[in-house]
Amino acid sequence: MLALSLPAMTFAQTLFTPIGEVLRHPRCMNCHTVTDFPRQTDSRRRHTQLVVRGEGGRGAPTLHCSACHQDKNVADGKVPGAPNWHLAPLSMGWEGLNDRDLCLALKDTNKNGNRSVPDLVHHMEFDALVLWGWTPGGNRTTPPYEHAEFVTLLKRWADGGAPCP
């Protein structure tokens, strides 16, 4: 890998700020929680029905996520859905992390499902559950950047060496 000049590295580092804004949005954070339960709404309140993380982040044996969350949003928009609905593993919880710590955690293969930076970009570009964040249905807000813009930021950050601020 070629060494980046200081200005290029500094520019690549600044790209993480808007990336962090997206990753901290409730559509991401409600499932990238450090709690044993998912959160809901922009206020990030505890999920109703006292839903718990359960094995593999898919809910309790008697109340799996898929009992309510189907492969797509329900027509009235009240119950969101996407393929493979589940919580991120606890190791991928981002609550309370500043940009630097979020960046480091994101790139830590011991925490991120053994994903390389290109794997992370691919995951955030194509994974149906990630994509759901931009089409959440109902009155749910979406992340502060369009998905295509977010992916462009991710790719530029990755191409710049994926430095942390």
Foldseek 3Di string as FASTA:
>chain_A
DDDDDPVLLVVLQVLLVLLVLQCPQLLNQQQLALAQAGADARVRHGDPPNWGLDPPQQTHPVDGLCVQAPCAAPPQLPHGHRPPDGGQPSLRRDPPDDQQRNLVSCQPCVRPVNDHLVRSLCCCLDPGSNVCQQVGGDPGDHGPDPSVVSSVSSVSSVVSVVDHD
